[in-house]
Amino acid sequence: MSVAQRWFEFAEIDLRMAELALVHEIFGQTCFHAHQCAEKALKGILAQRGEVIPRTHSLIDLGHRVADLPPELTKGLLFVEGYYFPTRYPDARPALASPPGREAAERCFKIAEEVLAWARKIVG
């Protein structure tokens, strides 16, 4: 199994966790695991290209490093990025006005699915 495929395998596990959280209405964790899925999918592309995997959780930074990310996915990553710290740490800044609801969680999940599918297609 290639290094990229290992990253995608872990991304798939996070996507499954996001789905389970969504089904059980644990929306903050849906958003968090969607972020993890997208992060690992982007790192899989970088691994396939032989690049050093950066120690960052920033989807924005990873998206810039990937460089050929479609604009609609870049916009989606911006949305998901906004939920990383507030759903992970209770004292995170900027804090959310309220925890994410179903709509935000479903959107994060859909974006993660799309990023992973695109990444798999790019790597082949």
PDB file of N, CA and C in Angstrom:
ATOM      1  N   MET A   1       0.848  -1.173   0.000  1.00  0.00           N
ATOM      2  CA  MET A   1       0.000   0.000   0.000  1.00  0.00           C
ATOM      3  C   MET A   1       0.898   1.242   0.000  1.00  0.00           C
ATOM      4  N   SER A   2       0.577   2.189  -0.863  1.00  0.00           N
ATOM      5  CA  SER A   2       1.382   3.407  -0.947  1.00  0.00           C
ATOM      6  C   SER A   2       1.143   4.302   0.273  1.00  0.00           C
ATOM      7  N   VAL A   3       2.041   5.238   0.474  1.00  0.00           N
ATOM      8  CA  VAL A   3       1.890   6.182   1.578  1.00  0.00           C
ATOM      9  C   VAL A   3       0.604   6.990   1.382  1.00  0.00           C
ATOM     10  N   ALA A   4       0.336   7.400   0.161  1.00  0.00           N
ATOM     11  CA  ALA A   4      -0.895   8.147  -0.115  1.00  0.00           C
ATOM     12  C   ALA A   4      -2.119   7.315   0.248  1.00  0.00           C
ATOM     13  N   GLN A   5      -2.115   6.054  -0.117  1.00  0.00           N
ATOM     14  CA  GLN A   5      -3.244   5.187   0.185  1.00  0.00           C
ATOM     15  C   GLN A   5      -3.447   5.032   1.697  1.00  0.00           C
ATOM     16  N   ARG A   6      -2.362   5.031   2.438  1.00  0.00           N
ATOM     17  CA  ARG A   6      -2.479   4.954   3.908  1.00  0.00           C
ATOM     18  C   ARG A   6      -3.150   6.208   4.445  1.00  0.00           C
ATOM     19  N   TRP A   7      -2.775   7.389   3.908  1.00  0.00           N
ATOM     20  CA  TRP A   7      -3.441   8.629   4.318  1.00  0.00           C
ATOM     21  C   TRP A   7      -4.933   8.563   3.972  1.00  0.00           C
ATOM     22  N   PHE A   8      -5.254   8.054   2.786  1.00  0.00           N
ATOM     23  CA  PHE A   8      -6.664   7.957   2.379  1.00  0.00           C
ATOM     24  C   PHE A   8      -7.439   6.972   3.250  1.00  0.00           C
ATOM     25  N   GLU A   9      -6.781   5.895   3.651  1.00  0.00           N
ATOM     26  CA  GLU A   9      -7.429   4.933   4.545  1.00  0.00           C
ATOM     27  C   GLU A   9      -7.809   5.600   5.872  1.00  0.00           C
ATOM     28  N   PHE A  10      -6.903   6.384   6.419  1.00  0.00           N
ATOM     29  CA  PHE A  10      -7.204   7.102   7.659  1.00  0.00           C
ATOM     30  C   PHE A  10      -8.278   8.164   7.430  1.00  0.00           C
ATOM     31  N   ALA A  11      -8.237   8.809   6.271  1.00  0.00           N
ATOM     32  CA  ALA A  11      -9.266   9.805   5.936  1.00  0.00           C
ATOM     33  C   ALA A  11     -10.645   9.143   5.877  1.00  0.00           C
ATOM     34  N   GLU A  12     -10.699   7.964   5.303  1.00  0.00           N
ATOM     35  CA  GLU A  12     -11.963   7.219   5.208  1.00  0.00           C
ATOM     36  C   GLU A  12     -12.499   6.880   6.595  1.00  0.00           C
ATOM     37  N   ILE A  13     -11.633   6.518   7.507  1.00  0.00           N
ATOM     38  CA  ILE A  13     -12.059   6.220   8.880  1.00  0.00           C
ATOM     39  C   ILE A  13     -12.645   7.473   9.532  1.00  0.00           C
ATOM     40  N   ASP A  14     -12.005   8.609   9.322  1.00  0.00           N
ATOM     41  CA  ASP A  14     -12.560   9.856   9.871  1.00  0.00           C
ATOM     42  C   ASP A  14     -13.893  10.197   9.231  1.00  0.00           C
ATOM     43  N   LEU A  15     -14.037   9.928   7.949  1.00  0.00           N
ATOM     44  CA  LEU A  15     -15.322  10.184   7.289  1.00  0.00           C
ATOM     45  C   LEU A  15     -16.413   9.293   7.883  1.00  0.00           C
ATOM     46  N   ARG A  16     -16.080   8.045   8.148  1.00  0.00           N
ATOM     47  CA  ARG A  16     -17.052   7.137   8.780  1.00  0.00           C
ATOM     48  C   ARG A  16     -17.425   7.617  10.181  1.00  0.00           C
ATOM     49  N   MET A  17     -16.423   8.110  10.939  1.00  0.00           N
ATOM     50  CA  MET A  17     -16.714   8.651  12.270  1.00  0.00           C
ATOM     51  C   MET A  17     -17.618   9.880  12.172  1.00  0.00           C
ATOM     52  N   ALA A  18     -17.363  10.727  11.178  1.00  0.00           N
ATOM     53  CA  ALA A  18     -18.217  11.903  10.967  1.00  0.00           C
ATOM     54  C   ALA A  18     -19.647  11.469  10.676  1.00  0.00           C
ATOM     55  N   GLU A  19     -19.789  10.433   9.872  1.00  0.00           N
ATOM     56  CA  GLU A  19     -21.127   9.938   9.539  1.00  0.00           C
ATOM     57  C   GLU A  19     -21.834   9.382  10.775  1.00  0.00           C
ATOM     58  N   LEU A  20     -21.110   8.613  11.581  1.00  0.00           N
ATOM     59  CA  LEU A  20     -21.698   8.084  12.808  1.00  0.00           C
ATOM     60  C   LEU A  20     -22.125   9.204  13.748  1.00  0.00           C
ATOM     61  N   ALA A  21     -21.288  10.208  13.878  1.00  0.00           N
ATOM     62  CA  ALA A  21     -21.639  11.345  14.733  1.00  0.00           C
ATOM     63  C   ALA A  21     -22.866  12.067  14.186  1.00  0.00           C
ATOM     64  N   LEU A  22     -22.951  12.199  12.882  1.00  0.00           N
ATOM     65  CA  LEU A  22     -24.108  12.852  12.267  1.00  0.00           C
ATOM     66  C   LEU A  22     -25.390  12.071  12.543  1.00  0.00           C
ATOM     67  N   VAL A  23     -25.330  10.776  12.374  1.00  0.00           N
ATOM     68  CA  VAL A  23     -26.496   9.919  12.635  1.00  0.00           C
ATOM     69  C   VAL A  23     -26.956  10.046  14.092  1.00  0.00           C
ATOM     70  N   HIS A  24     -25.994  10.182  14.993  1.00  0.00           N
ATOM     71  CA  HIS A  24     -26.314  10.275  16.418  1.00  0.00           C
ATOM     72  C   HIS A  24     -26.454  11.721  16.907  1.00  0.00           C
ATOM     73  N   GLU A  25     -26.491  12.645  15.944  1.00  0.00           N
ATOM     74  CA  GLU A  25     -26.719  14.062  16.223  1.00  0.00           C
ATOM     75  C   GLU A  25     -25.664  14.676  17.149  1.00  0.00           C
ATOM     76  N   ILE A  26     -24.435  14.251  16.964  1.00  0.00           N
ATOM     77  CA  ILE A  26     -23.300  14.834  17.678  1.00  0.00           C
ATOM     78  C   ILE A  26     -22.590  15.714  16.650  1.00  0.00           C
ATOM     79  N   PHE A  27     -23.181  16.870  16.409  1.00  0.00           N
ATOM     80  CA  PHE A  27     -22.812  17.682  15.265  1.00  0.00           C
ATOM     81  C   PHE A  27     -21.410  18.283  15.349  1.00  0.00           C
ATOM     82  N   GLY A  28     -20.961  18.652  16.534  1.00  0.00           N
ATOM     83  CA  GLY A  28     -19.606  19.180  16.666  1.00  0.00           C
ATOM     84  C   GLY A  28     -18.568  18.161  16.238  1.00  0.00           C
ATOM     85  N   GLN A  29     -18.775  16.905  16.631  1.00  0.00           N
ATOM     86  CA  GLN A  29     -17.837  15.844  16.252  1.00  0.00           C
ATOM     87  C   GLN A  29     -17.950  15.506  14.776  1.00  0.00           C
ATOM     88  N   THR A  30     -19.127  15.683  14.192  1.00  0.00           N
ATOM     89  CA  THR A  30     -19.264  15.512  12.745  1.00  0.00           C
ATOM     90  C   THR A  30     -18.341  16.497  12.043  1.00  0.00           C
ATOM     91  N   CYS A  31     -18.406  17.757  12.465  1.00  0.00           N
ATOM     92  CA  CYS A  31     -17.574  18.798  11.851  1.00  0.00           C
ATOM     93  C   CYS A  31     -16.094  18.522  12.079  1.00  0.00           C
ATOM     94  N   PHE A  32     -15.740  18.118  13.294  1.00  0.00           N
ATOM     95  CA  PHE A  32     -14.340  17.839  13.601  1.00  0.00           C
ATOM     96  C   PHE A  32     -13.801  16.692  12.738  1.00  0.00           C
ATOM     97  N   HIS A  33     -14.529  15.589  12.665  1.00  0.00           N
ATOM     98  CA  HIS A  33     -14.033  14.442  11.893  1.00  0.00           C
ATOM     99  C   HIS A  33     -14.079  14.706  10.393  1.00  0.00           C
ATOM    100  N   ALA A  34     -14.995  15.548   9.949  1.00  0.00           N
ATOM    101  CA  ALA A  34     -14.987  15.963   8.543  1.00  0.00           C
ATOM    102  C   ALA A  34     -13.695  16.729   8.249  1.00  0.00           C
ATOM    103  N   HIS A  35     -13.300  17.589   9.172  1.00  0.00           N
ATOM    104  CA  HIS A  35     -12.042  18.328   9.036  1.00  0.00           C
ATOM    105  C   HIS A  35     -10.873  17.351   8.956  1.00  0.00           C
ATOM    106  N   GLN A  36     -10.858  16.375   9.850  1.00  0.00           N
ATOM    107  CA  GLN A  36      -9.777  15.396   9.858  1.00  0.00           C
ATOM    108  C   GLN A  36      -9.718  14.622   8.545  1.00  0.00           C
ATOM    109  N   CYS A  37     -10.861  14.264   8.013  1.00  0.00           N
ATOM    110  CA  CYS A  37     -10.921  13.557   6.737  1.00  0.00           C
ATOM    111  C   CYS A  37     -10.304  14.403   5.626  1.00  0.00           C
ATOM    112  N   ALA A  38     -10.734  15.657   5.525  1.00  0.00           N
ATOM    113  CA  ALA A  38     -10.213  16.535   4.471  1.00  0.00           C
ATOM    114  C   ALA A  38      -8.712  16.747   4.636  1.00  0.00           C
ATOM    115  N   GLU A  39      -8.286  16.951   5.872  1.00  0.00           N
ATOM    116  CA  GLU A  39      -6.857  17.156   6.151  1.00  0.00           C
ATOM    117  C   GLU A  39      -6.033  15.958   5.659  1.00  0.00           C
ATOM    118  N   LYS A  40      -6.462  14.771   5.998  1.00  0.00           N
ATOM    119  CA  LYS A  40      -5.702  13.573   5.631  1.00  0.00           C
ATOM    120  C   LYS A  40      -5.764  13.305   4.131  1.00  0.00           C
ATOM    121  N   ALA A  41      -6.878  13.646   3.500  1.00  0.00           N
ATOM    122  CA  ALA A  41      -6.977  13.494   2.045  1.00  0.00           C
ATOM    123  C   ALA A  41      -5.975  14.406   1.345  1.00  0.00           C
ATOM    124  N   LEU A  42      -5.878  15.657   1.802  1.00  0.00           N
ATOM    125  CA  LEU A  42      -4.924  16.589   1.199  1.00  0.00           C
ATOM    126  C   LEU A  42      -3.484  16.155   1.464  1.00  0.00           C
ATOM    127  N   LYS A  43      -3.226  15.653   2.649  1.00  0.00           N
ATOM    128  CA  LYS A  43      -1.886  15.159   2.963  1.00  0.00           C
ATOM    129  C   LYS A  43      -1.558  13.929   2.110  1.00  0.00           C
ATOM    130  N   GLY A  44      -2.556  13.141   1.758  1.00  0.00           N
ATOM    131  CA  GLY A  44      -2.343  12.004   0.869  1.00  0.00           C
ATOM    132  C   GLY A  44      -1.862  12.430  -0.508  1.00  0.00           C
ATOM    133  N   ILE A  45      -2.426  13.527  -1.004  1.00  0.00           N
ATOM    134  CA  ILE A  45      -1.974  14.059  -2.296  1.00  0.00           C
ATOM    135  C   ILE A  45      -0.517  14.495  -2.192  1.00  0.00           C
ATOM    136  N   LEU A  46      -0.192  15.216  -1.132  1.00  0.00           N
ATOM    137  CA  LEU A  46       1.190  15.668  -0.954  1.00  0.00           C
ATOM    138  C   LEU A  46       2.145  14.472  -0.844  1.00  0.00           C
ATOM    139  N   ALA A  47       1.716  13.433  -0.141  1.00  0.00           N
ATOM    140  CA  ALA A  47       2.544  12.225  -0.014  1.00  0.00           C
ATOM    141  C   ALA A  47       2.780  11.593  -1.380  1.00  0.00           C
ATOM    142  N   GLN A  48       1.732  11.527  -2.188  1.00  0.00           N
ATOM    143  CA  GLN A  48       1.848  10.948  -3.526  1.00  0.00           C
ATOM    144  C   GLN A  48       2.841  11.737  -4.385  1.00  0.00           C
ATOM    145  N   ARG A  49       2.903  13.029  -4.160  1.00  0.00           N
ATOM    146  CA  ARG A  49       3.818  13.889  -4.915  1.00  0.00           C
ATOM    147  C   ARG A  49       5.233  13.872  -4.350  1.00  0.00           C
ATOM    148  N   GLY A  50       5.442  13.122  -3.278  1.00  0.00           N
ATOM    149  CA  GLY A  50       6.762  13.014  -2.687  1.00  0.00           C
ATOM    150  C   GLY A  50       7.156  14.192  -1.818  1.00  0.00           C
ATOM    151  N   GLU A  51       6.192  14.995  -1.442  1.00  0.00           N
ATOM    152  CA  GLU A  51       6.479  16.160  -0.602  1.00  0.00           C
ATOM    153  C   GLU A  51       6.511  15.759   0.868  1.00  0.00           C
ATOM    154  N   VAL A  52       7.235  16.535   1.648  1.00  0.00           N
ATOM    155  CA  VAL A  52       7.251  16.339   3.088  1.00  0.00           C
ATOM    156  C   VAL A  52       5.876  16.749   3.610  1.00  0.00           C
ATOM    157  N   ILE A  53       5.279  15.911   4.435  1.00  0.00           N
ATOM    158  CA  ILE A  53       3.952  16.207   4.979  1.00  0.00           C
ATOM    159  C   ILE A  53       4.107  17.240   6.089  1.00  0.00           C
ATOM    160  N   PRO A  54       3.505  18.402   5.911  1.00  0.00           N
ATOM    161  CA  PRO A  54       3.641  19.437   6.942  1.00  0.00           C
ATOM    162  C   PRO A  54       2.865  19.080   8.201  1.00  0.00           C
ATOM    163  N   ARG A  55       3.384  19.478   9.319  1.00  0.00           N
ATOM    164  CA  ARG A  55       2.707  19.260  10.603  1.00  0.00           C
ATOM    165  C   ARG A  55       1.793  20.440  10.861  1.00  0.00           C
ATOM    166  N   THR A  56       0.694  20.437  10.149  1.00  0.00           N
ATOM    167  CA  THR A  56      -0.305  21.487  10.287  1.00  0.00           C
ATOM    168  C   THR A  56      -1.684  20.865  10.222  1.00  0.00           C
ATOM    169  N   HIS A  57      -2.626  21.534  10.847  1.00  0.00           N
ATOM    170  CA  HIS A  57      -4.024  21.128  10.744  1.00  0.00           C
ATOM    171  C   HIS A  57      -4.798  22.102   9.871  1.00  0.00           C
ATOM    172  N   SER A  58      -4.118  23.084   9.322  1.00  0.00           N
ATOM    173  CA  SER A  58      -4.775  24.124   8.535  1.00  0.00           C
ATOM    174  C   SER A  58      -5.142  23.612   7.143  1.00  0.00           C
ATOM    175  N   LEU A  59      -6.444  23.516   6.908  1.00  0.00           N
ATOM    176  CA  LEU A  59      -6.906  23.106   5.583  1.00  0.00           C
ATOM    177  C   LEU A  59      -6.547  24.159   4.536  1.00  0.00           C
ATOM    178  N   ILE A  60      -6.515  25.408   4.958  1.00  0.00           N
ATOM    179  CA  ILE A  60      -6.174  26.492   4.044  1.00  0.00           C
ATOM    180  C   ILE A  60      -4.719  26.337   3.591  1.00  0.00           C
ATOM    181  N   ASP A  61      -3.827  26.115   4.535  1.00  0.00           N
ATOM    182  CA  ASP A  61      -2.417  25.914   4.207  1.00  0.00           C
ATOM    183  C   ASP A  61      -2.244  24.689   3.312  1.00  0.00           C
ATOM    184  N   LEU A  62      -2.890  23.598   3.669  1.00  0.00           N
ATOM    185  CA  LEU A  62      -2.772  22.380   2.867  1.00  0.00           C
ATOM    186  C   LEU A  62      -3.345  22.576   1.462  1.00  0.00           C
ATOM    187  N   GLY A  63      -4.462  23.286   1.382  1.00  0.00           N
ATOM    188  CA  GLY A  63      -5.056  23.574   0.071  1.00  0.00           C
ATOM    189  C   GLY A  63      -4.112  24.380  -0.811  1.00  0.00           C
ATOM    190  N   HIS A  64      -3.415  25.348  -0.220  1.00  0.00           N
ATOM    191  CA  HIS A  64      -2.433  26.136  -0.982  1.00  0.00           C
ATOM    192  C   HIS A  64      -1.278  25.257  -1.436  1.00  0.00           C
ATOM    193  N   ARG A  65      -0.858  24.341  -0.588  1.00  0.00           N
ATOM    194  CA  ARG A  65       0.255  23.455  -0.949  1.00  0.00           C
ATOM    195  C   ARG A  65      -0.137  22.503  -2.079  1.00  0.00           C
ATOM    196  N   VAL A  66      -1.385  22.054  -2.059  1.00  0.00           N
ATOM    197  CA  VAL A  66      -1.855  21.171  -3.130  1.00  0.00           C
ATOM    198  C   VAL A  66      -1.926  21.954  -4.439  1.00  0.00           C
ATOM    199  N   ALA A  67      -2.304  23.206  -4.366  1.00  0.00           N
ATOM    200  CA  ALA A  67      -2.269  24.179  -5.465  1.00  0.00           C
ATOM    201  C   ALA A  67      -3.351  24.015  -6.534  1.00  0.00           C
ATOM    202  N   ASP A  68      -3.680  22.820  -6.947  1.00  0.00           N
ATOM    203  CA  ASP A  68      -4.651  22.667  -8.037  1.00  0.00           C
ATOM    204  C   ASP A  68      -6.048  22.299  -7.544  1.00  0.00           C
ATOM    205  N   LEU A  69      -6.323  22.607  -6.293  1.00  0.00           N
ATOM    206  CA  LEU A  69      -7.629  22.345  -5.706  1.00  0.00           C
ATOM    207  C   LEU A  69      -8.688  23.191  -6.425  1.00  0.00           C
ATOM    208  N   PRO A  70      -9.799  22.589  -6.845  1.00  0.00           N
ATOM    209  CA  PRO A  70     -10.856  23.367  -7.503  1.00  0.00           C
ATOM    210  C   PRO A  70     -11.404  24.456  -6.572  1.00  0.00           C
ATOM    211  N   PRO A  71     -11.799  25.598  -7.130  1.00  0.00           N
ATOM    212  CA  PRO A  71     -12.285  26.718  -6.313  1.00  0.00           C
ATOM    213  C   PRO A  71     -13.444  26.356  -5.378  1.00  0.00           C
ATOM    214  N   GLU A  72     -14.355  25.506  -5.834  1.00  0.00           N
ATOM    215  CA  GLU A  72     -15.491  25.145  -4.973  1.00  0.00           C
ATOM    216  C   GLU A  72     -15.043  24.339  -3.756  1.00  0.00           C
ATOM    217  N   LEU A  73     -13.991  23.534  -3.916  1.00  0.00           N
ATOM    218  CA  LEU A  73     -13.462  22.790  -2.775  1.00  0.00           C
ATOM    219  C   LEU A  73     -12.676  23.719  -1.844  1.00  0.00           C
ATOM    220  N   THR A  74     -11.981  24.677  -2.422  1.00  0.00           N
ATOM    221  CA  THR A  74     -11.272  25.653  -1.594  1.00  0.00           C
ATOM    222  C   THR A  74     -12.269  26.410  -0.726  1.00  0.00           C
ATOM    223  N   LYS A  75     -13.374  26.815  -1.311  1.00  0.00           N
ATOM    224  CA  LYS A  75     -14.429  27.512  -0.559  1.00  0.00           C
ATOM    225  C   LYS A  75     -14.994  26.602   0.531  1.00  0.00           C
ATOM    226  N   GLY A  76     -15.174  25.341   0.225  1.00  0.00           N
ATOM    227  CA  GLY A  76     -15.663  24.383   1.213  1.00  0.00           C
ATOM    228  C   GLY A  76     -14.690  24.207   2.370  1.00  0.00           C
ATOM    229  N   LEU A  77     -13.402  24.166   2.050  1.00  0.00           N
ATOM    230  CA  LEU A  77     -12.392  24.023   3.103  1.00  0.00           C
ATOM    231  C   LEU A  77     -12.417  25.204   4.061  1.00  0.00           C
ATOM    232  N   LEU A  78     -12.673  26.383   3.540  1.00  0.00           N
ATOM    233  CA  LEU A  78     -12.796  27.572   4.401  1.00  0.00           C
ATOM    234  C   LEU A  78     -13.927  27.386   5.406  1.00  0.00           C
ATOM    235  N   PHE A  79     -15.027  26.808   4.944  1.00  0.00           N
ATOM    236  CA  PHE A  79     -16.169  26.571   5.828  1.00  0.00           C
ATOM    237  C   PHE A  79     -15.809  25.562   6.918  1.00  0.00           C
ATOM    238  N   VAL A  80     -15.254  24.442   6.523  1.00  0.00           N
ATOM    239  CA  VAL A  80     -14.902  23.380   7.476  1.00  0.00           C
ATOM    240  C   VAL A  80     -13.845  23.866   8.466  1.00  0.00           C
ATOM    241  N   GLU A  81     -12.884  24.631   7.975  1.00  0.00           N
ATOM    242  CA  GLU A  81     -11.803  25.152   8.819  1.00  0.00           C
ATOM    243  C   GLU A  81     -12.344  25.915  10.028  1.00  0.00           C
ATOM    244  N   GLY A  82     -13.446  26.611   9.832  1.00  0.00           N
ATOM    245  CA  GLY A  82     -14.022  27.405  10.913  1.00  0.00           C
ATOM    246  C   GLY A  82     -14.529  26.595  12.092  1.00  0.00           C
ATOM    247  N   TYR A  83     -14.662  25.299  11.925  1.00  0.00           N
ATOM    248  CA  TYR A  83     -15.167  24.441  13.001  1.00  0.00           C
ATOM    249  C   TYR A  83     -14.079  23.644  13.705  1.00  0.00           C
ATOM    250  N   TYR A  84     -12.840  23.716  13.224  1.00  0.00           N
ATOM    251  CA  TYR A  84     -11.804  22.861  13.804  1.00  0.00           C
ATOM    252  C   TYR A  84     -11.562  23.161  15.287  1.00  0.00           C
ATOM    253  N   PHE A  85     -11.114  24.340  15.599  1.00  0.00           N
ATOM    254  CA  PHE A  85     -10.795  24.648  17.002  1.00  0.00           C
ATOM    255  C   PHE A  85     -12.033  24.738  17.899  1.00  0.00           C
ATOM    256  N   PRO A  86     -13.097  25.422  17.477  1.00  0.00           N
ATOM    257  CA  PRO A  86     -14.254  25.543  18.380  1.00  0.00           C
ATOM    258  C   PRO A  86     -14.944  24.213  18.712  1.00  0.00           C
ATOM    259  N   THR A  87     -14.806  23.213  17.856  1.00  0.00           N
ATOM    260  CA  THR A  87     -15.415  21.917  18.160  1.00  0.00           C
ATOM    261  C   THR A  87     -14.448  20.990  18.885  1.00  0.00           C
ATOM    262  N   ARG A  88     -13.206  21.408  18.982  1.00  0.00           N
ATOM    263  CA  ARG A  88     -12.187  20.569  19.601  1.00  0.00           C
ATOM    264  C   ARG A  88     -11.852  21.015  21.020  1.00  0.00           C
ATOM    265  N   TYR A  89     -11.859  22.327  21.232  1.00  0.00           N
ATOM    266  CA  TYR A  89     -11.420  22.880  22.512  1.00  0.00           C
ATOM    267  C   TYR A  89     -12.468  23.854  23.051  1.00  0.00           C
ATOM    268  N   PRO A  90     -12.894  23.675  24.292  1.00  0.00           N
ATOM    269  CA  PRO A  90     -13.949  24.545  24.838  1.00  0.00           C
ATOM    270  C   PRO A  90     -13.521  25.997  25.023  1.00  0.00           C
ATOM    271  N   ASP A  91     -12.231  26.254  25.104  1.00  0.00           N
ATOM    272  CA  ASP A  91     -11.767  27.627  25.292  1.00  0.00           C
ATOM    273  C   ASP A  91     -11.164  28.215  24.017  1.00  0.00           C
ATOM    274  N   ALA A  92     -11.518  27.624  22.877  1.00  0.00           N
ATOM    275  CA  ALA A  92     -10.952  28.064  21.600  1.00  0.00           C
ATOM    276  C   ALA A  92     -11.427  29.457  21.227  1.00  0.00           C
ATOM    277  N   ARG A  93     -10.577  30.171  20.554  1.00  0.00           N
ATOM    278  CA  ARG A  93     -10.928  31.471  19.989  1.00  0.00           C
ATOM    279  C   ARG A  93     -10.677  31.402  18.503  1.00  0.00           C
ATOM    280  N   PRO A  94     -11.541  31.848  17.665  1.00  0.00           N
ATOM    281  CA  PRO A  94     -12.805  32.464  18.032  1.00  0.00           C
ATOM    282  C   PRO A  94     -13.830  31.398  18.401  1.00  0.00           C
ATOM    283  N   ALA A  95     -14.604  31.677  19.392  1.00  0.00           N
ATOM    284  CA  ALA A  95     -15.640  30.741  19.835  1.00  0.00           C
ATOM    285  C   ALA A  95     -16.863  30.871  18.928  1.00  0.00           C
ATOM    286  N   LEU A  96     -17.590  29.802  18.806  1.00  0.00           N
ATOM    287  CA  LEU A  96     -18.836  29.832  18.044  1.00  0.00           C
ATOM    288  C   LEU A  96     -19.934  30.450  18.903  1.00  0.00           C
ATOM    289  N   ALA A  97     -20.853  31.144  18.271  1.00  0.00           N
ATOM    290  CA  ALA A  97     -21.986  31.717  19.001  1.00  0.00           C
ATOM    291  C   ALA A  97     -22.825  30.595  19.603  1.00  0.00           C
ATOM    292  N   SER A  98     -22.908  29.483  18.890  1.00  0.00           N
ATOM    293  CA  SER A  98     -23.614  28.303  19.381  1.00  0.00           C
ATOM    294  C   SER A  98     -22.978  27.086  18.716  1.00  0.00           C
ATOM    295  N   PRO A  99     -23.146  25.923  19.314  1.00  0.00           N
ATOM    296  CA  PRO A  99     -22.570  24.713  18.700  1.00  0.00           C
ATOM    297  C   PRO A  99     -23.153  24.495  17.303  1.00  0.00           C
ATOM    298  N   PRO A 100     -22.405  23.824  16.443  1.00  0.00           N
ATOM    299  CA  PRO A 100     -22.928  23.581  15.095  1.00  0.00           C
ATOM    300  C   PRO A 100     -24.186  22.725  15.144  1.00  0.00           C
ATOM    301  N   GLY A 101     -25.104  23.018  14.264  1.00  0.00           N
ATOM    302  CA  GLY A 101     -26.344  22.251  14.152  1.00  0.00           C
ATOM    303  C   GLY A 101     -26.268  21.276  12.993  1.00  0.00           C
ATOM    304  N   ARG A 102     -27.400  20.672  12.709  1.00  0.00           N
ATOM    305  CA  ARG A 102     -27.469  19.665  11.646  1.00  0.00           C
ATOM    306  C   ARG A 102     -27.014  20.229  10.297  1.00  0.00           C
ATOM    307  N   GLU A 103     -27.463  21.416   9.962  1.00  0.00           N
ATOM    308  CA  GLU A 103     -27.135  21.984   8.650  1.00  0.00           C
ATOM    309  C   GLU A 103     -25.624  22.140   8.461  1.00  0.00           C
ATOM    310  N   ALA A 104     -24.952  22.700   9.452  1.00  0.00           N
ATOM    311  CA  ALA A 104     -23.495  22.872   9.372  1.00  0.00           C
ATOM    312  C   ALA A 104     -22.798  21.515   9.322  1.00  0.00           C
ATOM    313  N   ALA A 105     -23.256  20.578  10.146  1.00  0.00           N
ATOM    314  CA  ALA A 105     -22.642  19.248  10.182  1.00  0.00           C
ATOM    315  C   ALA A 105     -22.808  18.531   8.847  1.00  0.00           C
ATOM    316  N   GLU A 106     -23.991  18.614   8.264  1.00  0.00           N
ATOM    317  CA  GLU A 106     -24.219  17.980   6.967  1.00  0.00           C
ATOM    318  C   GLU A 106     -23.349  18.606   5.887  1.00  0.00           C
ATOM    319  N   ARG A 107     -23.208  19.922   5.953  1.00  0.00           N
ATOM    320  CA  ARG A 107     -22.359  20.607   4.967  1.00  0.00           C
ATOM    321  C   ARG A 107     -20.901  20.195   5.132  1.00  0.00           C
ATOM    322  N   CYS A 108     -20.402  20.152   6.363  1.00  0.00           N
ATOM    323  CA  CYS A 108     -19.020  19.719   6.603  1.00  0.00           C
ATOM    324  C   CYS A 108     -18.808  18.294   6.097  1.00  0.00           C
ATOM    325  N   PHE A 109     -19.763  17.422   6.382  1.00  0.00           N
ATOM    326  CA  PHE A 109     -19.659  16.030   5.947  1.00  0.00           C
ATOM    327  C   PHE A 109     -19.596  15.941   4.418  1.00  0.00           C
ATOM    328  N   LYS A 110     -20.466  16.664   3.750  1.00  0.00           N
ATOM    329  CA  LYS A 110     -20.511  16.642   2.283  1.00  0.00           C
ATOM    330  C   LYS A 110     -19.194  17.158   1.694  1.00  0.00           C
ATOM    331  N   ILE A 111     -18.666  18.233   2.266  1.00  0.00           N
ATOM    332  CA  ILE A 111     -17.400  18.783   1.785  1.00  0.00           C
ATOM    333  C   ILE A 111     -16.279  17.757   1.960  1.00  0.00           C
ATOM    334  N   ALA A 112     -16.227  17.105   3.102  1.00  0.00           N
ATOM    335  CA  ALA A 112     -15.194  16.092   3.345  1.00  0.00           C
ATOM    336  C   ALA A 112     -15.302  14.957   2.329  1.00  0.00           C
ATOM    337  N   GLU A 113     -16.512  14.512   2.065  1.00  0.00           N
ATOM    338  CA  GLU A 113     -16.721  13.467   1.046  1.00  0.00           C
ATOM    339  C   GLU A 113     -16.163  13.907  -0.303  1.00  0.00           C
ATOM    340  N   GLU A 114     -16.467  15.139  -0.674  1.00  0.00           N
ATOM    341  CA  GLU A 114     -16.037  15.661  -1.967  1.00  0.00           C
ATOM    342  C   GLU A 114     -14.518  15.799  -2.042  1.00  0.00           C
ATOM    343  N   VAL A 115     -13.908  16.273  -0.968  1.00  0.00           N
ATOM    344  CA  VAL A 115     -12.451  16.424  -0.953  1.00  0.00           C
ATOM    345  C   VAL A 115     -11.778  15.061  -1.066  1.00  0.00           C
ATOM    346  N   LEU A 116     -12.267  14.091  -0.315  1.00  0.00           N
ATOM    347  CA  LEU A 116     -11.669  12.755  -0.375  1.00  0.00           C
ATOM    348  C   LEU A 116     -11.844  12.132  -1.760  1.00  0.00           C
ATOM    349  N   ALA A 117     -13.020  12.267  -2.342  1.00  0.00           N
ATOM    350  CA  ALA A 117     -13.249  11.718  -3.686  1.00  0.00           C
ATOM    351  C   ALA A 117     -12.331  12.388  -4.709  1.00  0.00           C
ATOM    352  N   TRP A 118     -12.191  13.705  -4.614  1.00  0.00           N
ATOM    353  CA  TRP A 118     -11.317  14.433  -5.534  1.00  0.00           C
ATOM    354  C   TRP A 118      -9.868  13.995  -5.350  1.00  0.00           C
ATOM    355  N   ALA A 119      -9.436  13.862  -4.105  1.00  0.00           N
ATOM    356  CA  ALA A 119      -8.052  13.467  -3.829  1.00  0.00           C
ATOM    357  C   ALA A 119      -7.759  12.081  -4.386  1.00  0.00           C
ATOM    358  N   ARG A 120      -8.674  11.160  -4.208  1.00  0.00           N
ATOM    359  CA  ARG A 120      -8.488   9.801  -4.738  1.00  0.00           C
ATOM    360  C   ARG A 120      -8.382   9.838  -6.268  1.00  0.00           C
ATOM    361  N   LYS A 121      -9.197  10.671  -6.878  1.00  0.00           N
ATOM    362  CA  LYS A 121      -9.173  10.800  -8.346  1.00  0.00           C
ATOM    363  C   LYS A 121      -7.837  11.366  -8.815  1.00  0.00           C
ATOM    364  N   ILE A 122      -7.324  12.367  -8.101  1.00  0.00           N
ATOM    365  CA  ILE A 122      -6.055  12.994  -8.478  1.00  0.00           C
ATOM    366  C   ILE A 122      -4.906  11.988  -8.377  1.00  0.00           C
ATOM    367  N   VAL A 123      -4.908  11.213  -7.314  1.00  0.00           N
ATOM    368  CA  VAL A 123      -3.815  10.257  -7.091  1.00  0.00           C
ATOM    369  C   VAL A 123      -3.938   9.047  -8.016  1.00  0.00           C
ATOM    370  N   GLY A 124      -5.179   8.687  -8.334  1.00  0.00           N
ATOM    371  CA  GLY A 124      -5.408   7.594  -9.272  1.00  0.00           C
ATOM    372  C   GLY A 124      -5.480   6.247  -8.686  1.00  0.00           C
TER     373      GLY A 124
END
